[in-house]
Amino acid sequence: MKPVISIAYCPKCGWMLRAAYMAQEMLTTFTDDVKGVLLEPSETSGTYLIRVNDQVIFDRRQEGRFPEIKELKQLVRDQVNPAKSLGHSDKK
C-alpha cells in the first residue's frame, strides 16, 4: 500500500498556503509513489509537522525553521522510494 504524506499546520499562524504549496510539490514529484497528501489544520499553535504515514520526517518546533523544498523532497524520497532520482534536487 502506498504511503500518505501528512502536513499538520497552524491555521492561526497563516501557514495553510505554505502547506498547500508543499503538498503540491510532493504530489508533483511523487505522483507514482504516494497515495496522497493530507493537509491537517492543527489546534496547537505553531504546529508545522510533516509525516510519512506515522513517521515524523520534519517538525518545525524541533528544527526551529521550515524545511526547504529540496530538503523536504529528499526526506520524503528516503521514506517512499530511496532509489528515486530527484534530478537537481538530489544531494551532491
C-alpha atoms as a PDB file:
ATOM      1  CA  MET A   1       0.000   0.000   0.000  1.00  0.00           C
ATOM      2  CA  LYS A   2       1.331   3.432  -0.926  1.00  0.00           C
ATOM      3  CA  PRO A   3       2.197   5.827   1.903  1.00  0.00           C
ATOM      4  CA  VAL A   4       0.344   9.042   2.731  1.00  0.00           C
ATOM      5  CA  ILE A   5       2.187  12.291   3.425  1.00  0.00           C
ATOM      6  CA  SER A   6       0.554  14.409   6.143  1.00  0.00           C
ATOM      7  CA  ILE A   7       1.237  18.085   6.749  1.00  0.00           C
ATOM      8  CA  ALA A   8      -0.145  19.386  10.041  1.00  0.00           C
ATOM      9  CA  TYR A   9      -0.066  23.183  10.137  1.00  0.00           C
ATOM     10  CA  CYS A  10      -1.261  26.044  12.310  1.00  0.00           C
ATOM     11  CA  PRO A  11      -4.097  27.890  10.544  1.00  0.00           C
ATOM     12  CA  LYS A  12      -3.943  30.720  13.116  1.00  0.00           C
ATOM     13  CA  CYS A  13      -0.325  31.343  12.062  1.00  0.00           C
ATOM     14  CA  GLY A  14      -1.380  31.644   8.408  1.00  0.00           C
ATOM     15  CA  TRP A  15       0.567  28.591   7.265  1.00  0.00           C
ATOM     16  CA  MET A  16      -2.135  26.991   5.105  1.00  0.00           C
ATOM     17  CA  LEU A  17      -0.724  28.379   1.833  1.00  0.00           C
ATOM     18  CA  ARG A  18       2.763  27.137   2.720  1.00  0.00           C
ATOM     19  CA  ALA A  19       1.329  23.680   3.477  1.00  0.00           C
ATOM     20  CA  ALA A  20      -0.684  23.671   0.229  1.00  0.00           C
ATOM     21  CA  TYR A  21       2.402  24.655  -1.787  1.00  0.00           C
ATOM     22  CA  MET A  22       4.455  21.876  -0.201  1.00  0.00           C
ATOM     23  CA  ALA A  23       1.623  19.394  -0.796  1.00  0.00           C
ATOM     24  CA  GLN A  24       1.556  20.384  -4.481  1.00  0.00           C
ATOM     25  CA  GLU A  25       5.313  19.872  -4.753  1.00  0.00           C
ATOM     26  CA  MET A  26       5.056  16.437  -3.108  1.00  0.00           C
ATOM     27  CA  LEU A  27       2.202  15.342  -5.377  1.00  0.00           C
ATOM     28  CA  THR A  28       4.071  16.531  -8.466  1.00  0.00           C
ATOM     29  CA  THR A  29       7.334  14.841  -7.504  1.00  0.00           C
ATOM     30  CA  PHE A  30       5.937  11.611  -6.038  1.00  0.00           C
ATOM     31  CA  THR A  31       2.883  11.005  -8.256  1.00  0.00           C
ATOM     32  CA  ASP A  32       3.501   7.262  -8.564  1.00  0.00           C
ATOM     33  CA  ASP A  33       4.975   6.772  -5.091  1.00  0.00           C
ATOM     34  CA  VAL A  34       2.307   8.061  -2.690  1.00  0.00           C
ATOM     35  CA  LYS A  35      -1.409   7.587  -2.193  1.00  0.00           C
ATOM     36  CA  GLY A  36      -1.853  11.287  -1.451  1.00  0.00           C
ATOM     37  CA  VAL A  37      -1.097  14.266   0.742  1.00  0.00           C
ATOM     38  CA  LEU A  38      -3.290  15.154   3.708  1.00  0.00           C
ATOM     39  CA  LEU A  39      -3.443  18.739   4.973  1.00  0.00           C
ATOM     40  CA  GLU A  40      -4.337  18.821   8.663  1.00  0.00           C
ATOM     41  CA  PRO A  41      -5.212  22.109  10.385  1.00  0.00           C
ATOM     42  CA  SER A  42      -3.801  21.799  13.893  1.00  0.00           C
ATOM     43  CA  GLU A  43      -5.433  23.109  17.033  1.00  0.00           C
ATOM     44  CA  THR A  44      -1.981  23.577  18.577  1.00  0.00           C
ATOM     45  CA  SER A  45      -0.445  26.967  17.794  1.00  0.00           C
ATOM     46  CA  GLY A  46       2.868  26.955  15.953  1.00  0.00           C
ATOM     47  CA  THR A  47       2.492  23.430  14.579  1.00  0.00           C
ATOM     48  CA  TYR A  48       4.139  22.532  11.280  1.00  0.00           C
ATOM     49  CA  LEU A  49       4.712  18.790  11.257  1.00  0.00           C
ATOM     50  CA  ILE A  50       5.311  16.573   8.233  1.00  0.00           C
ATOM     51  CA  ARG A  51       4.846  12.813   8.388  1.00  0.00           C
ATOM     52  CA  VAL A  52       5.017   9.889   6.004  1.00  0.00           C
ATOM     53  CA  ASN A  53       2.377   7.546   7.397  1.00  0.00           C
ATOM     54  CA  ASP A  54       3.130   7.726  11.138  1.00  0.00           C
ATOM     55  CA  GLN A  55       6.846   8.576  10.790  1.00  0.00           C
ATOM     56  CA  VAL A  56       7.667  12.220  11.579  1.00  0.00           C
ATOM     57  CA  ILE A  57      10.165  13.445   8.997  1.00  0.00           C
ATOM     58  CA  PHE A  58      10.141  17.161   9.853  1.00  0.00           C
ATOM     59  CA  ASP A  59       8.995  19.140  12.886  1.00  0.00           C
ATOM     60  CA  ARG A  60       9.269  22.931  12.748  1.00  0.00           C
ATOM     61  CA  ARG A  61       9.422  23.210  16.545  1.00  0.00           C
ATOM     62  CA  GLN A  62      12.296  20.779  16.787  1.00  0.00           C
ATOM     63  CA  GLU A  63      14.238  22.256  13.853  1.00  0.00           C
ATOM     64  CA  GLY A  64      13.441  25.897  14.616  1.00  0.00           C
ATOM     65  CA  ARG A  65      12.637  26.576  10.958  1.00  0.00           C
ATOM     66  CA  PHE A  66      10.597  25.429   7.975  1.00  0.00           C
ATOM     67  CA  PRO A  67      12.022  22.850   5.542  1.00  0.00           C
ATOM     68  CA  GLU A  68      13.372  23.919   2.177  1.00  0.00           C
ATOM     69  CA  ILE A  69      11.552  22.182  -0.688  1.00  0.00           C
ATOM     70  CA  LYS A  70      14.740  20.448  -1.831  1.00  0.00           C
ATOM     71  CA  GLU A  71      15.324  19.138   1.698  1.00  0.00           C
ATOM     72  CA  LEU A  72      11.705  18.008   2.059  1.00  0.00           C
ATOM     73  CA  LYS A  73      11.809  16.119  -1.240  1.00  0.00           C
ATOM     74  CA  GLN A  74      14.943  14.310  -0.077  1.00  0.00           C
ATOM     75  CA  LEU A  75      13.346  13.391   3.265  1.00  0.00           C
ATOM     76  CA  VAL A  76      10.174  12.084   1.587  1.00  0.00           C
ATOM     77  CA  ARG A  77      12.127  10.230  -1.102  1.00  0.00           C
ATOM     78  CA  ASP A  78      14.219   8.477   1.542  1.00  0.00           C
ATOM     79  CA  GLN A  79      10.970   7.115   3.030  1.00  0.00           C
ATOM     80  CA  VAL A  80       8.855   6.325  -0.041  1.00  0.00           C
ATOM     81  CA  ASN A  81      11.313   5.421  -2.819  1.00  0.00           C
ATOM     82  CA  PRO A  82      15.011   5.581  -1.848  1.00  0.00           C
ATOM     83  CA  ALA A  83      16.127   4.648  -5.381  1.00  0.00           C
ATOM     84  CA  LYS A  84      14.258   7.570  -6.992  1.00  0.00           C
ATOM     85  CA  SER A  85      16.374  10.278  -8.624  1.00  0.00           C
ATOM     86  CA  LEU A  86      15.321  13.813  -7.787  1.00  0.00           C
ATOM     87  CA  GLY A  87      17.404  15.353 -10.550  1.00  0.00           C
ATOM     88  CA  HIS A  88      18.664  18.790  -9.491  1.00  0.00           C
ATOM     89  CA  SER A  89      17.115  18.353  -6.025  1.00  0.00           C
ATOM     90  CA  ASP A  90      19.361  15.397  -5.209  1.00  0.00           C
ATOM     91  CA  LYS A  91      22.110  15.593  -2.619  1.00  0.00           C
ATOM     92  CA  LYS A  92      25.538  16.284  -4.045  1.00  0.00           C
END
